[in-house]
Protein backbone atom coordinates (compact mmCIF):
# COMPACT_ATOMS: atom_id res chain seq x y z
CA MET A 1 -76.06 -4.75 19.95
CA GLY A 2 -79.39 -6.21 18.44
CA GLU A 3 -78.38 -9.64 20.49
CA MET A 4 -78.15 -7.14 23.68
CA ASP A 5 -81.33 -5.48 23.13
CA ARG A 6 -83.51 -8.81 22.87
CA SER A 7 -81.80 -10.18 25.76
CA ASP A 8 -82.66 -7.30 27.59
CA ALA A 9 -86.34 -7.05 26.78
CA THR A 10 -86.69 -10.59 27.43
CA GLU A 11 -85.31 -10.31 31.10
CA ALA A 12 -87.60 -7.39 31.27
CA GLY A 13 -90.69 -8.70 30.46
CA ALA A 14 -89.65 -11.50 32.82
CA SER A 15 -89.31 -9.17 35.77
CA GLY A 16 -91.92 -6.56 34.80
CA THR A 17 -90.04 -3.54 36.33
CA GLY A 18 -87.86 -0.62 34.60
CA ASP A 19 -85.69 -0.51 37.56
CA ARG A 20 -84.32 -3.98 37.22
CA LEU A 21 -83.64 -3.29 33.23
CA ALA A 22 -82.09 0.00 34.19
CA GLN A 23 -79.86 -1.86 36.68
CA HIS A 24 -79.27 -4.59 34.19
CA ARG A 25 -78.41 -2.61 31.42
CA ARG A 26 -76.08 -0.17 33.49
CA PRO A 27 -73.02 -2.76 33.58
CA GLY A 28 -73.56 -3.28 29.89
CA VAL A 29 -73.51 0.56 29.22
CA LEU A 30 -70.34 0.72 31.55
CA ARG A 31 -68.50 -1.94 30.09
CA HIS A 32 -68.88 -0.29 26.59
CA ARG A 33 -67.83 3.30 27.90
CA GLY A 34 -65.15 1.33 29.83
CA ARG A 35 -64.01 0.16 26.58
CA GLN A 36 -64.30 3.43 25.21
CA VAL A 37 -61.91 5.01 27.70
CA LEU A 38 -59.60 2.15 27.61
CA ILE A 39 -58.88 2.32 23.89
CA ALA A 40 -58.73 6.13 24.25
CA THR A 41 -56.21 5.66 27.02
CA VAL A 42 -54.06 2.96 24.84
CA ILE A 43 -54.20 5.83 21.88
CA ALA A 44 -52.96 8.35 24.11
CA VAL A 45 -50.18 6.14 25.60
CA ALA A 46 -49.35 5.47 22.33
CA THR A 47 -48.85 8.97 21.09
CA ILE A 48 -46.59 9.91 23.89
CA VAL A 49 -44.35 6.67 24.22
CA VAL A 50 -43.94 5.43 20.74
CA PRO A 51 -41.74 8.16 18.33
CA PRO A 52 -42.89 9.01 14.68
CA LEU A 53 -41.39 6.57 12.29
CA ILE A 54 -40.44 9.36 10.11
CA THR A 55 -39.23 12.85 11.37
CA PRO A 56 -40.87 15.54 9.31
CA LYS A 57 -38.61 17.95 7.48
CA ARG A 58 -37.91 21.08 8.80
CA SER A 59 -39.55 23.79 6.69
CA GLY A 60 -37.64 26.71 5.58
CA GLY A 61 -33.93 25.59 6.19
CA PRO A 62 -31.50 22.66 5.69
CA GLU A 63 -31.28 19.88 7.83
CA SER A 64 -29.62 20.31 11.06
CA GLN A 65 -25.75 19.14 11.58
CA THR A 66 -27.12 16.63 14.01
CA GLU A 67 -29.01 14.77 11.75
CA ARG A 68 -26.60 14.94 8.95
CA THR A 69 -23.82 13.18 10.82
CA ALA A 70 -25.64 11.00 13.34
CA VAL A 71 -24.99 7.88 11.05
CA PRO A 72 -22.08 8.13 9.20
CA GLU A 73 -21.50 6.27 6.00
CA ARG A 74 -18.57 4.26 5.35
CA PRO A 75 -17.16 5.47 1.83
CA PRO A 76 -16.38 2.86 -0.96
CA PRO A 77 -13.10 1.41 -1.48
CA VAL A 78 -10.96 3.97 -4.34
CA PRO A 79 -8.69 2.12 -6.69
CA ALA A 80 -5.12 3.16 -6.16
CA SER A 81 -4.88 4.46 -9.58
CA SER A 82 -8.23 6.73 -9.11
CA GLN A 83 -8.25 10.06 -7.42
CA PRO A 84 -10.40 10.51 -4.37
CA SER A 85 -13.71 12.00 -5.03
CA ALA A 86 -14.68 15.57 -3.74
CA SER A 87 -16.76 14.06 -0.81
CA ALA A 88 -14.45 11.72 0.59
CA ALA A 89 -13.32 12.43 3.98
CA PRO A 90 -10.39 14.25 4.50
CA THR A 91 -6.92 12.31 5.53
CA THR A 92 -5.97 12.03 9.16
CA PRO A 93 -2.61 12.44 10.16
CA SER A 94 -2.47 9.10 11.37
CA GLU A 95 -3.63 8.32 7.70
CA SER A 96 -0.50 10.04 5.80
CA PRO A 97 0.68 8.39 2.97
CA ARG A 98 3.67 5.67 3.49
CA GLN A 99 7.38 6.64 2.68
CA ALA A 100 8.20 4.97 -0.50
CA PRO A 101 9.87 1.06 -0.19
CA GLU A 102 13.22 0.74 0.31
CA ALA A 103 15.20 -0.58 -2.84
CA LEU A 104 16.33 -4.01 -3.51
CA LEU A 105 20.15 -3.69 -3.48
CA SER A 106 21.35 -7.22 -3.58
CA GLN A 107 19.89 -8.15 -7.03
CA GLY A 108 22.76 -8.59 -9.51
CA ALA A 109 25.33 -7.59 -7.11
CA ARG A 110 29.06 -9.46 -6.78
CA ALA A 111 28.40 -12.60 -4.11
CA THR A 112 31.03 -14.52 -2.98
CA THR A 113 30.86 -18.05 -0.55
CA SER A 114 33.01 -20.17 1.57
CA SER A 115 31.96 -22.84 -0.46
CA VAL A 116 29.52 -24.33 -3.15
CA GLU A 117 28.10 -27.86 -3.73
CA SER A 118 28.75 -28.02 -7.52
CA GLU A 119 29.31 -25.73 -10.53
CA GLY A 120 25.49 -25.52 -11.18
CA THR A 121 25.22 -23.81 -7.48
CA PRO A 122 27.22 -20.71 -7.43
CA ALA A 123 26.86 -17.93 -5.48
CA SER A 124 25.66 -15.27 -8.04
CA ALA A 125 22.48 -17.57 -8.20
CA ALA A 126 21.43 -16.09 -4.69
CA VAL A 127 21.43 -12.61 -6.18
CA ASP A 128 20.15 -13.11 -9.73
CA GLY A 129 16.64 -12.44 -9.18
CA ASN A 130 15.64 -16.06 -10.50
CA PRO A 131 13.36 -17.87 -8.33
CA ARG A 132 14.53 -21.35 -10.46
CA THR A 133 18.41 -20.88 -9.56
CA ARG A 134 20.20 -21.51 -6.26
CA TRP A 135 23.48 -21.39 -4.21
CA SER A 136 24.25 -24.25 -2.62
CA SER A 137 27.20 -24.92 -0.07
CA ALA A 138 29.22 -27.89 0.98
CA PHE A 139 27.91 -30.18 3.45
CA SER A 140 29.50 -29.23 6.47
CA GLU A 141 29.75 -25.89 9.29
CA PRO A 142 30.13 -23.25 9.12
CA GLN A 143 29.49 -21.73 5.37
CA TRP A 144 28.69 -17.98 4.31
CA LEU A 145 27.75 -16.03 1.40
CA ARG A 146 28.61 -12.80 1.22
CA VAL A 147 27.22 -9.60 -0.98
CA ASP A 148 28.88 -6.90 -1.94
CA LEU A 149 26.49 -3.80 -2.07
CA GLY A 150 28.89 -1.68 -4.06
CA ALA A 151 28.85 1.32 -1.92
CA ARG A 152 27.82 2.03 1.63
CA ALA A 153 23.97 0.95 2.33
CA THR A 154 21.78 1.56 5.40
CA VAL A 155 20.16 -1.99 5.28
CA THR A 156 16.64 -1.67 6.56
CA ARG A 157 15.53 -5.56 5.87
CA LEU A 158 16.18 -9.20 4.44
CA VAL A 159 14.07 -11.88 2.67
CA LEU A 160 15.67 -15.37 2.35
CA HIS A 161 14.05 -17.83 0.20
CA TRP A 162 15.50 -21.15 1.66
CA ASP A 163 15.60 -24.49 -0.39
CA SER A 164 14.87 -27.44 1.50
CA ALA A 165 18.41 -27.33 2.66
CA TYR A 166 18.17 -24.78 5.06
CA ALA A 167 20.07 -23.04 8.05
CA ALA A 168 18.52 -24.14 11.28
CA ALA A 169 20.93 -21.23 13.02
CA TYR A 170 22.74 -18.42 11.64
CA ARG A 171 23.28 -14.63 11.61
CA ILE A 172 23.44 -12.06 9.44
CA GLU A 173 26.23 -9.25 9.57
CA VAL A 174 27.64 -6.29 7.94
CA SER A 175 30.85 -4.69 7.21
CA SER A 176 32.57 -1.41 5.62
CA ASP A 177 35.67 -3.47 4.41
CA ALA A 178 34.53 -7.57 4.43
CA ARG A 179 37.14 -7.88 7.28
CA SER A 180 35.59 -6.43 10.45
CA TRP A 181 31.71 -7.69 11.00
CA THR A 182 28.70 -6.84 12.91
CA PRO A 183 25.62 -8.95 13.75
CA ILE A 184 22.62 -7.04 13.08
CA PHE A 185 20.11 -10.33 13.30
CA ARG A 186 21.01 -13.99 14.68
CA THR A 187 18.38 -17.08 15.32
CA THR A 188 19.08 -20.69 16.51
CA THR A 189 15.48 -21.58 15.74
CA SER A 190 14.86 -21.05 11.89
CA SER A 191 12.50 -23.35 10.16
CA GLY A 192 13.01 -22.42 6.92
CA GLY A 193 11.03 -21.35 3.60
CA VAL A 194 10.69 -17.84 3.15
CA GLU A 195 12.02 -15.49 5.95
CA GLU A 196 11.47 -12.04 6.08
CA LEU A 197 14.28 -10.43 9.10
CA SER A 198 13.72 -7.02 10.25
CA ALA A 199 17.15 -5.87 10.44
CA SER A 200 19.24 -2.90 10.34
CA GLY A 201 22.88 -1.48 10.00
CA THR A 202 25.15 0.16 7.81
CA GLY A 203 27.66 -1.18 5.39
CA ARG A 204 29.02 -1.96 1.91
CA TYR A 205 28.91 -6.04 2.56
CA VAL A 206 26.15 -8.00 3.89
CA ARG A 207 27.14 -11.85 4.81
CA LEU A 208 24.88 -14.47 5.96
CA TYR A 209 26.96 -16.68 8.08
CA GLY A 210 25.60 -20.03 8.57
CA THR A 211 26.71 -22.38 12.14
CA ALA A 212 24.01 -25.31 11.97
CA ARG A 213 22.30 -26.89 9.09
CA ALA A 214 18.65 -28.36 9.83
CA THR A 215 19.84 -31.52 7.35
CA GLY A 216 22.21 -33.63 6.17
CA TRP A 217 22.94 -31.22 3.25
CA GLY A 218 24.42 -27.63 3.24
CA PHE A 219 23.16 -24.43 3.26
CA ALA A 220 21.01 -23.43 0.13
CA LEU A 221 19.34 -20.46 -0.98
CA TRP A 222 17.10 -19.57 -3.76
CA GLU A 223 17.42 -15.74 -3.35
CA PHE A 224 18.73 -13.41 -1.09
CA GLU A 225 17.33 -10.06 -0.69
CA VAL A 226 18.84 -7.21 0.68
CA TYR A 227 16.72 -4.03 1.27
CA GLY A 228 17.31 -0.47 2.25
CA LYS A 229 18.79 2.70 0.84
CA SER A 230 22.31 3.53 -0.67
CA ALA A 231 23.91 6.32 -2.49
CA SER A 232 23.20 4.13 -5.69
CA THR A 233 19.52 4.09 -5.12
CA GLY A 234 19.75 8.06 -6.29
CA CYS A 235 20.38 6.66 -9.98
CA ASN A 236 19.14 8.85 -12.43
CA THR A 237 17.63 6.06 -14.59
CA SER A 238 16.02 8.57 -17.10
CA ARG A 239 19.48 9.28 -19.01
CA ASN A 240 21.22 6.74 -20.71
CA ALA A 241 25.02 7.92 -20.37
CA ALA A 242 26.43 5.39 -22.77
CA LEU A 243 23.90 6.50 -25.40
CA ASN A 244 25.82 7.26 -28.83
CA ARG A 245 29.12 7.87 -27.28
CA PRO A 246 32.26 7.04 -28.83
CA VAL A 247 33.08 3.02 -28.21
CA THR A 248 35.95 0.70 -29.46
CA ALA A 249 35.89 -3.03 -29.15
CA SER A 250 38.47 -5.83 -29.31
CA SER A 251 37.05 -7.17 -32.36
CA ILE A 252 33.65 -7.61 -34.40
CA GLN A 253 32.27 -10.46 -36.27
CA GLY A 254 31.82 -8.79 -39.35
CA ALA A 255 31.08 -5.03 -40.89
CA VAL A 256 27.17 -5.54 -39.94
CA PHE A 257 27.92 -5.77 -36.29
CA PRO A 258 29.94 -2.97 -35.30
CA ALA A 259 30.62 -1.83 -31.72
CA PRO A 260 28.48 1.55 -31.86
CA ASP A 261 25.62 -0.44 -32.66
CA ALA A 262 25.67 -2.11 -28.87
CA VAL A 263 25.18 2.07 -28.02
CA ASP A 264 22.54 3.24 -30.30
CA GLY A 265 19.83 3.20 -28.69
CA ASN A 266 18.25 0.57 -31.35
CA ARG A 267 16.86 -3.03 -30.26
CA ASP A 268 17.34 -4.36 -33.47
CA SER A 269 20.95 -3.57 -33.92
CA ARG A 270 23.95 -5.32 -32.15
CA TRP A 271 27.66 -5.79 -31.37
CA SER A 272 29.18 -8.93 -31.81
CA SER A 273 32.68 -10.00 -31.35
CA GLU A 274 34.69 -12.69 -32.71
CA ALA A 275 34.10 -16.54 -31.38
CA SER A 276 37.21 -16.43 -28.94
CA ASP A 277 37.99 -15.50 -25.57
CA ALA A 278 38.83 -12.86 -24.22
CA GLN A 279 36.85 -9.91 -25.75
CA TRP A 280 35.85 -6.37 -24.79
CA ILE A 281 33.95 -3.67 -25.37
CA ARG A 282 34.50 0.24 -24.18
CA VAL A 283 32.50 3.14 -23.93
CA ASP A 284 33.69 6.68 -23.54
CA LEU A 285 31.62 8.70 -21.12
CA GLY A 286 32.73 11.85 -21.88
CA SER A 287 34.00 12.76 -18.48
CA ARG A 288 34.40 11.40 -15.08
CA GLN A 289 30.96 9.81 -14.25
CA ALA A 290 29.53 8.20 -11.00
CA VAL A 291 28.37 4.91 -12.23
CA CYS A 292 25.45 3.51 -10.37
CA ARG A 293 23.75 1.01 -12.60
CA VAL A 294 24.64 -1.08 -16.04
CA VAL A 295 22.29 -2.87 -18.08
CA LEU A 296 23.08 -5.41 -20.43
CA ASN A 297 20.80 -6.68 -23.12
CA TRP A 298 22.29 -9.97 -24.31
CA GLU A 299 22.06 -11.53 -27.50
CA ALA A 300 21.61 -15.50 -27.59
CA ALA A 301 25.64 -15.45 -27.74
CA TYR A 302 26.19 -13.83 -24.22
CA GLY A 303 29.12 -13.98 -22.03
CA ARG A 304 28.82 -16.73 -19.31
CA ALA A 305 31.80 -15.00 -17.43
CA TYR A 306 33.11 -11.20 -17.64
CA ARG A 307 33.81 -8.38 -15.23
CA LEU A 308 32.58 -4.66 -15.26
CA GLU A 309 35.82 -2.12 -15.51
CA LEU A 310 35.99 1.33 -14.96
CA SER A 311 39.20 3.55 -15.94
CA ASP A 312 40.10 7.39 -15.73
CA ASP A 313 42.81 7.21 -18.70
CA GLY A 314 41.45 3.89 -20.90
CA ARG A 315 44.65 2.52 -19.71
CA THR A 316 44.28 1.13 -15.97
CA TRP A 317 41.10 -0.56 -15.12
CA SER A 318 39.66 -1.22 -11.50
CA THR A 319 36.89 -3.80 -11.48
CA LEU A 320 33.37 -2.52 -10.77
CA TYR A 321 31.68 -5.84 -11.09
CA ARG A 322 32.22 -9.31 -11.75
CA GLN A 323 30.08 -12.37 -12.96
CA ASP A 324 30.62 -15.94 -13.23
CA ALA A 325 27.73 -17.72 -13.82
CA GLY A 326 25.98 -15.33 -16.09
CA LYS A 327 22.61 -16.27 -17.49
CA GLY A 328 22.30 -14.24 -20.56
CA GLY A 329 18.91 -12.13 -21.36
CA THR A 330 18.60 -8.79 -19.85
CA GLU A 331 21.10 -8.12 -16.62
CA THR A 332 20.70 -5.11 -14.46
CA ILE A 333 23.58 -4.72 -12.55
CA SER A 334 23.73 -2.33 -9.18
CA ALA A 335 27.39 -1.15 -8.57
CA SER A 336 28.99 1.95 -7.79
CA GLY A 337 32.22 3.38 -9.29
CA VAL A 338 33.61 6.48 -10.74
CA GLY A 339 35.28 6.76 -14.03
CA ARG A 340 35.28 7.89 -17.75
CA TYR A 341 35.73 4.88 -19.33
CA LEU A 342 33.41 1.76 -18.81
CA ARG A 343 34.51 -1.66 -20.49
CA LEU A 344 32.59 -4.97 -20.60
CA TYR A 345 35.73 -7.51 -20.39
CA GLY A 346 34.31 -11.03 -21.50
CA THR A 347 36.25 -14.15 -20.11
CA ARG A 348 34.32 -16.96 -20.76
CA ARG A 349 31.54 -17.71 -23.73
CA ALA A 350 28.44 -19.00 -23.10
CA THR A 351 28.22 -20.31 -26.64
CA ARG A 352 30.59 -21.37 -29.55
CA HIS A 353 29.95 -17.69 -31.01
CA GLY A 354 31.28 -14.65 -29.63
CA TYR A 355 30.07 -11.92 -27.28
CA SER A 356 26.86 -10.34 -28.42
CA LEU A 357 25.01 -7.33 -27.04
CA TRP A 358 21.64 -5.78 -28.53
CA GLU A 359 22.35 -2.66 -26.23
CA LEU A 360 24.82 -1.70 -23.15
CA ARG A 361 23.11 1.04 -21.10
CA VAL A 362 24.87 2.92 -18.39
CA TYR A 363 23.30 4.83 -15.70
CA THR A 364 25.03 7.44 -13.42
CA ARG A 365 24.34 9.74 -10.47
CA PRO A 366 26.39 13.33 -9.30
CA VAL A 367 29.80 12.78 -8.67
CA GLY A 368 29.57 14.55 -5.50
CA GLY A 369 27.39 11.93 -4.10
CA VAL A 370 30.25 9.37 -4.30
């Protein structure tokens, strides 16, 4: 304003009249007032249009429901082993817990085949749970692999772990008697690798039937996994029916390796037979039991070939399970049958020593469920 006053005075002196000074200063004043009016207008518009950055809390009460739920937060993931916090959102019907997964029915089950490539690739290798052993067939079509689930079961899916010699075309079949077969899956465009198949059917036997090879070799599977629901999945695995039951054996290696040591629940004691074939150990379950699982904890001297048998009288025996290429270690066998006596009957040793078991465990289910 100082510069404006000096300019105005100079102009007033040059003109010599107050009217001209008034006329000259009036625009300046108007412009100055115009700026004031303009600034006030902007502030007023800003006050009306621009919302406040912070909404003041209401006094005298809690925040409204709208304010609390306008931007819901996603709760952090909760580990499976942790319980949900009290503030976690309730589970909606679409988020209800999944049902328990199906049981793996085929592992340890009896397997047979149309052919094998060699003694080192038996049918049992496809259901032994060992990803480093395999079944491999002769180099021709058709070939098949059949698994006895031990009891009638409802198959829900299968997983095939193919070797590089896989089937380009095959079908999966089920049967109740191993004679009449019903297809539940079929393909002519398999690409090998690991195939997970959604297929459903009911039967005691499941068969892979290969109709076209993908290579010049045979059909070869590292593992053939059958999942589903069976009467044997209701096994009472919390009670060992053989524990401390009366037991006899065909022979013992010496007084320090008696037959009762195989059913005493002690992993540091064992039964060991003479070094010859055949040898057996038999346990009396005390009453007629529906056997659904047998666990063999072998010592280093194990049975390469053996069978599990059941009897009601200890004289007449029926085969529950047969193994022709045992691997030793711990063998878990899912098989269904009824009897009072269970016998392990060894027909071929894996070593020059006898048969030796740390523990023989037997699990059952109610007889009425057979």
